[in-house]
N, C-alpha and C. Protein backbone atom coordinates (compact mmCIF):
# COMPACT_ATOMS: atom_id res chain seq x y z
N MET A 1 -13.03 40.58 -38.52
CA MET A 1 -12.32 39.60 -39.31
C MET A 1 -11.23 38.96 -38.45
N THR A 2 -11.17 37.66 -38.44
CA THR A 2 -10.18 36.96 -37.65
C THR A 2 -9.05 36.49 -38.53
N GLN A 3 -7.87 36.49 -37.94
CA GLN A 3 -6.70 36.02 -38.66
C GLN A 3 -6.38 34.59 -38.24
N ARG A 4 -5.98 33.78 -39.19
CA ARG A 4 -5.57 32.41 -38.90
C ARG A 4 -4.07 32.31 -39.07
N ASN A 5 -3.49 31.58 -38.18
CA ASN A 5 -2.05 31.37 -38.27
C ASN A 5 -1.82 30.22 -39.24
N THR A 6 -1.19 30.50 -40.36
CA THR A 6 -1.00 29.47 -41.38
C THR A 6 0.03 28.43 -40.97
N LYS A 7 0.86 28.71 -40.01
CA LYS A 7 1.86 27.76 -39.57
C LYS A 7 1.22 26.55 -38.86
N GLU A 8 0.02 26.73 -38.37
CA GLU A 8 -0.65 25.64 -37.66
C GLU A 8 -1.03 24.49 -38.57
N GLN A 9 -1.21 24.75 -39.84
CA GLN A 9 -1.67 23.73 -40.76
C GLN A 9 -0.70 22.56 -40.85
N GLY A 10 0.56 22.76 -40.77
CA GLY A 10 1.54 21.68 -40.91
C GLY A 10 2.02 21.11 -39.58
N ASP A 11 1.68 21.77 -38.49
CA ASP A 11 2.11 21.30 -37.17
C ASP A 11 1.37 20.03 -36.78
N THR A 12 2.06 19.17 -36.07
CA THR A 12 1.45 17.95 -35.56
C THR A 12 1.25 18.09 -34.06
N LYS A 13 0.06 17.74 -33.61
CA LYS A 13 -0.21 17.78 -32.18
C LYS A 13 0.16 16.43 -31.58
N THR A 14 0.86 16.48 -30.48
CA THR A 14 1.19 15.23 -29.79
C THR A 14 0.54 15.26 -28.42
N ARG A 15 0.06 14.12 -28.01
CA ARG A 15 -0.55 13.99 -26.69
C ARG A 15 0.29 13.04 -25.86
N THR A 16 0.49 13.43 -24.65
CA THR A 16 1.21 12.57 -23.72
C THR A 16 0.18 11.73 -22.98
N ARG A 17 0.35 10.44 -23.05
CA ARG A 17 -0.58 9.54 -22.37
C ARG A 17 0.03 9.14 -21.04
N VAL A 18 -0.69 9.42 -19.98
CA VAL A 18 -0.21 9.11 -18.65
C VAL A 18 -0.94 7.86 -18.17
N GLU A 19 -0.16 6.84 -17.83
CA GLU A 19 -0.76 5.60 -17.35
C GLU A 19 -0.77 5.61 -15.83
N LYS A 20 -1.75 4.91 -15.27
CA LYS A 20 -1.81 4.78 -13.83
C LYS A 20 -0.62 3.95 -13.36
N PRO A 21 -0.05 4.29 -12.20
CA PRO A 21 1.08 3.51 -11.71
C PRO A 21 0.62 2.12 -11.27
N ARG A 22 1.51 1.17 -11.33
CA ARG A 22 1.21 -0.18 -10.88
C ARG A 22 1.02 -0.16 -9.36
N MET A 23 0.04 -0.90 -8.89
CA MET A 23 -0.27 -0.93 -7.47
C MET A 23 0.27 -2.21 -6.84
N TYR A 24 0.58 -2.11 -5.54
CA TYR A 24 1.16 -3.23 -4.80
C TYR A 24 0.38 -3.47 -3.52
N LYS A 25 0.13 -4.75 -3.23
CA LYS A 25 -0.53 -5.14 -1.99
C LYS A 25 0.53 -5.31 -0.91
N VAL A 26 0.28 -4.75 0.25
CA VAL A 26 1.15 -4.95 1.40
C VAL A 26 0.50 -6.05 2.24
N LEU A 27 1.24 -7.14 2.46
CA LEU A 27 0.71 -8.31 3.13
C LEU A 27 1.31 -8.48 4.52
N LEU A 28 0.46 -8.84 5.48
CA LEU A 28 0.90 -9.20 6.82
C LEU A 28 0.65 -10.70 7.00
N TYR A 29 1.56 -11.38 7.71
CA TYR A 29 1.48 -12.82 7.89
C TYR A 29 1.25 -13.17 9.35
N ASN A 30 0.42 -14.17 9.56
CA ASN A 30 0.15 -14.66 10.90
C ASN A 30 1.36 -15.45 11.40
N ASP A 31 1.63 -15.36 12.68
CA ASP A 31 2.65 -16.19 13.32
C ASP A 31 2.17 -16.55 14.72
N ASP A 32 2.90 -17.42 15.38
CA ASP A 32 2.48 -17.89 16.70
C ASP A 32 2.94 -16.99 17.84
N TYR A 33 3.64 -15.91 17.55
CA TYR A 33 4.23 -15.10 18.61
C TYR A 33 3.71 -13.67 18.69
N THR A 34 3.43 -13.07 17.55
CA THR A 34 2.94 -11.69 17.54
C THR A 34 1.50 -11.66 18.04
N THR A 35 1.24 -10.79 18.99
CA THR A 35 -0.10 -10.73 19.57
C THR A 35 -1.09 -10.08 18.61
N MET A 36 -2.35 -10.44 18.77
CA MET A 36 -3.40 -9.84 17.96
C MET A 36 -3.48 -8.34 18.21
N GLU A 37 -3.28 -7.96 19.46
CA GLU A 37 -3.33 -6.54 19.82
C GLU A 37 -2.25 -5.74 19.09
N PHE A 38 -1.06 -6.35 18.95
CA PHE A 38 0.02 -5.65 18.27
C PHE A 38 -0.29 -5.50 16.78
N VAL A 39 -0.88 -6.53 16.18
CA VAL A 39 -1.25 -6.44 14.75
C VAL A 39 -2.28 -5.34 14.55
N VAL A 40 -3.25 -5.24 15.44
CA VAL A 40 -4.24 -4.16 15.36
C VAL A 40 -3.54 -2.81 15.50
N PHE A 41 -2.60 -2.71 16.44
CA PHE A 41 -1.82 -1.48 16.63
C PHE A 41 -1.11 -1.09 15.33
N VAL A 42 -0.47 -2.05 14.68
CA VAL A 42 0.25 -1.79 13.42
C VAL A 42 -0.73 -1.33 12.34
N LEU A 43 -1.86 -2.00 12.24
CA LEU A 43 -2.84 -1.63 11.23
C LEU A 43 -3.40 -0.23 11.46
N GLU A 44 -3.53 0.16 12.72
CA GLU A 44 -4.03 1.49 13.03
C GLU A 44 -2.98 2.57 12.84
N THR A 45 -1.74 2.31 13.24
CA THR A 45 -0.71 3.35 13.20
C THR A 45 0.01 3.44 11.85
N VAL A 46 0.41 2.32 11.30
CA VAL A 46 1.16 2.35 10.03
C VAL A 46 0.22 2.51 8.84
N PHE A 47 -0.90 1.78 8.87
CA PHE A 47 -1.81 1.77 7.72
C PHE A 47 -3.01 2.70 7.89
N ARG A 48 -3.14 3.31 9.06
CA ARG A 48 -4.18 4.31 9.36
C ARG A 48 -5.60 3.78 9.21
N HIS A 49 -5.81 2.51 9.58
CA HIS A 49 -7.15 1.94 9.61
C HIS A 49 -7.81 2.31 10.94
N GLY A 50 -9.12 2.44 10.94
CA GLY A 50 -9.86 2.65 12.18
C GLY A 50 -9.88 1.36 13.00
N PRO A 51 -10.27 1.45 14.26
CA PRO A 51 -10.27 0.27 15.13
C PRO A 51 -11.08 -0.91 14.59
N ALA A 52 -12.26 -0.64 14.05
CA ALA A 52 -13.11 -1.72 13.54
C ALA A 52 -12.47 -2.40 12.32
N ALA A 53 -11.98 -1.61 11.39
CA ALA A 53 -11.34 -2.17 10.19
C ALA A 53 -10.06 -2.91 10.56
N ALA A 54 -9.28 -2.35 11.48
CA ALA A 54 -8.03 -3.00 11.90
C ALA A 54 -8.32 -4.35 12.54
N THR A 55 -9.35 -4.43 13.37
CA THR A 55 -9.72 -5.69 14.01
C THR A 55 -10.20 -6.70 12.97
N ARG A 56 -11.00 -6.25 12.02
CA ARG A 56 -11.50 -7.13 10.97
C ARG A 56 -10.35 -7.70 10.14
N ILE A 57 -9.40 -6.86 9.75
CA ILE A 57 -8.24 -7.30 8.96
C ILE A 57 -7.38 -8.26 9.78
N MET A 58 -7.16 -7.93 11.06
CA MET A 58 -6.36 -8.80 11.93
C MET A 58 -6.99 -10.19 12.03
N LEU A 59 -8.31 -10.26 12.20
CA LEU A 59 -8.99 -11.56 12.30
C LEU A 59 -8.87 -12.34 11.00
N SER A 60 -8.93 -11.65 9.89
CA SER A 60 -8.76 -12.30 8.60
C SER A 60 -7.35 -12.88 8.47
N ILE A 61 -6.36 -12.12 8.89
CA ILE A 61 -4.97 -12.59 8.87
C ILE A 61 -4.82 -13.80 9.79
N HIS A 62 -5.42 -13.72 10.95
CA HIS A 62 -5.34 -14.80 11.94
C HIS A 62 -5.95 -16.10 11.40
N LYS A 63 -7.08 -15.99 10.71
CA LYS A 63 -7.78 -17.17 10.21
C LYS A 63 -7.14 -17.76 8.96
N SER A 64 -6.72 -16.91 8.04
CA SER A 64 -6.21 -17.42 6.76
C SER A 64 -4.69 -17.50 6.68
N GLY A 65 -3.99 -16.87 7.61
CA GLY A 65 -2.53 -16.92 7.61
C GLY A 65 -1.86 -15.73 6.96
N VAL A 66 -2.61 -15.02 6.13
CA VAL A 66 -2.06 -13.84 5.47
C VAL A 66 -3.22 -12.91 5.11
N GLY A 67 -2.94 -11.62 5.08
CA GLY A 67 -3.99 -10.67 4.73
C GLY A 67 -3.42 -9.39 4.16
N VAL A 68 -4.24 -8.70 3.40
CA VAL A 68 -3.84 -7.43 2.77
C VAL A 68 -4.07 -6.29 3.76
N ALA A 69 -3.00 -5.61 4.09
CA ALA A 69 -3.09 -4.46 4.99
C ALA A 69 -3.42 -3.18 4.23
N GLY A 70 -3.07 -3.14 2.95
CA GLY A 70 -3.34 -1.98 2.13
C GLY A 70 -2.80 -2.16 0.73
N VAL A 71 -3.22 -1.30 -0.18
CA VAL A 71 -2.77 -1.33 -1.57
C VAL A 71 -2.27 0.07 -1.92
N TYR A 72 -1.02 0.12 -2.40
CA TYR A 72 -0.36 1.41 -2.61
C TYR A 72 0.51 1.37 -3.86
N THR A 73 0.99 2.54 -4.27
CA THR A 73 2.01 2.59 -5.31
C THR A 73 3.29 1.98 -4.75
N LYS A 74 4.23 1.67 -5.61
CA LYS A 74 5.43 0.93 -5.21
C LYS A 74 6.20 1.63 -4.08
N ASP A 75 6.47 2.90 -4.22
CA ASP A 75 7.26 3.62 -3.21
C ASP A 75 6.58 3.63 -1.85
N ILE A 76 5.29 3.86 -1.85
CA ILE A 76 4.56 3.90 -0.58
C ILE A 76 4.49 2.51 0.02
N ALA A 77 4.27 1.49 -0.80
CA ALA A 77 4.22 0.11 -0.29
C ALA A 77 5.56 -0.28 0.34
N GLU A 78 6.66 0.08 -0.32
CA GLU A 78 7.99 -0.22 0.24
C GLU A 78 8.18 0.47 1.59
N THR A 79 7.74 1.70 1.68
CA THR A 79 7.85 2.45 2.93
C THR A 79 7.04 1.79 4.04
N ARG A 80 5.82 1.38 3.72
CA ARG A 80 4.96 0.72 4.72
C ARG A 80 5.59 -0.58 5.21
N VAL A 81 6.13 -1.37 4.29
CA VAL A 81 6.79 -2.63 4.68
C VAL A 81 7.94 -2.33 5.64
N ASP A 82 8.76 -1.36 5.30
CA ASP A 82 9.89 -0.98 6.17
C ASP A 82 9.41 -0.51 7.54
N GLN A 83 8.34 0.28 7.56
CA GLN A 83 7.81 0.78 8.84
C GLN A 83 7.31 -0.37 9.71
N VAL A 84 6.59 -1.33 9.11
CA VAL A 84 6.07 -2.47 9.86
C VAL A 84 7.22 -3.28 10.45
N LEU A 85 8.20 -3.61 9.62
CA LEU A 85 9.32 -4.42 10.10
C LEU A 85 10.09 -3.71 11.20
N LYS A 86 10.25 -2.40 11.08
CA LYS A 86 10.97 -1.63 12.10
C LYS A 86 10.22 -1.63 13.42
N VAL A 87 8.92 -1.31 13.40
CA VAL A 87 8.16 -1.24 14.65
C VAL A 87 8.02 -2.63 15.26
N ALA A 88 7.92 -3.65 14.44
CA ALA A 88 7.83 -5.02 14.97
C ALA A 88 9.12 -5.40 15.69
N ARG A 89 10.25 -5.13 15.08
CA ARG A 89 11.54 -5.48 15.71
C ARG A 89 11.77 -4.67 16.99
N GLU A 90 11.40 -3.39 16.94
CA GLU A 90 11.57 -2.55 18.13
C GLU A 90 10.75 -3.06 19.31
N ASN A 91 9.65 -3.73 19.01
CA ASN A 91 8.78 -4.25 20.06
C ASN A 91 8.93 -5.74 20.30
N GLY A 92 9.95 -6.34 19.69
CA GLY A 92 10.27 -7.75 19.92
C GLY A 92 9.31 -8.74 19.28
N HIS A 93 8.68 -8.35 18.17
CA HIS A 93 7.75 -9.24 17.48
C HIS A 93 8.34 -9.70 16.15
N PRO A 94 8.13 -10.97 15.79
CA PRO A 94 8.65 -11.47 14.49
C PRO A 94 7.69 -11.26 13.33
N LEU A 95 6.78 -10.32 13.43
CA LEU A 95 5.77 -10.08 12.41
C LEU A 95 6.43 -9.92 11.04
N GLN A 96 5.92 -10.65 10.06
CA GLN A 96 6.44 -10.57 8.70
C GLN A 96 5.51 -9.72 7.84
N CYS A 97 6.11 -8.97 6.93
CA CYS A 97 5.36 -8.08 6.05
C CYS A 97 6.09 -8.04 4.71
N THR A 98 5.33 -8.24 3.63
CA THR A 98 5.90 -8.19 2.29
C THR A 98 4.95 -7.42 1.39
N MET A 99 5.38 -7.25 0.14
CA MET A 99 4.52 -6.61 -0.85
C MET A 99 4.59 -7.40 -2.14
N GLU A 100 3.50 -7.35 -2.90
CA GLU A 100 3.47 -8.01 -4.20
C GLU A 100 2.59 -7.21 -5.13
N PRO A 101 2.86 -7.30 -6.44
CA PRO A 101 2.04 -6.56 -7.40
C PRO A 101 0.58 -7.00 -7.32
N GLU A 102 -0.30 -6.05 -7.53
CA GLU A 102 -1.73 -6.36 -7.50
C GLU A 102 -2.17 -6.98 -8.80
């Protein structure tokens, strides 16, 4: 014989709904001074793309003027933008990097 807890009858169950975080695109912009090799370097080191993907993204940026380097949550996207700007300045490149909601 099983016992039932009578207190459960009046209790209300609540569920917490967890929403996915908003995602942000990290954008790199073409300029006349930053070398293609440096953009590939940034894509490989900061964004962890392989050589083929980094070259493909760099060529897209070169042709269209802007390209998506990656899509991340807000905190990670902000960190990536800061890392790109820091490494670009340290190496004397005016490479621009921003983020926008996806």
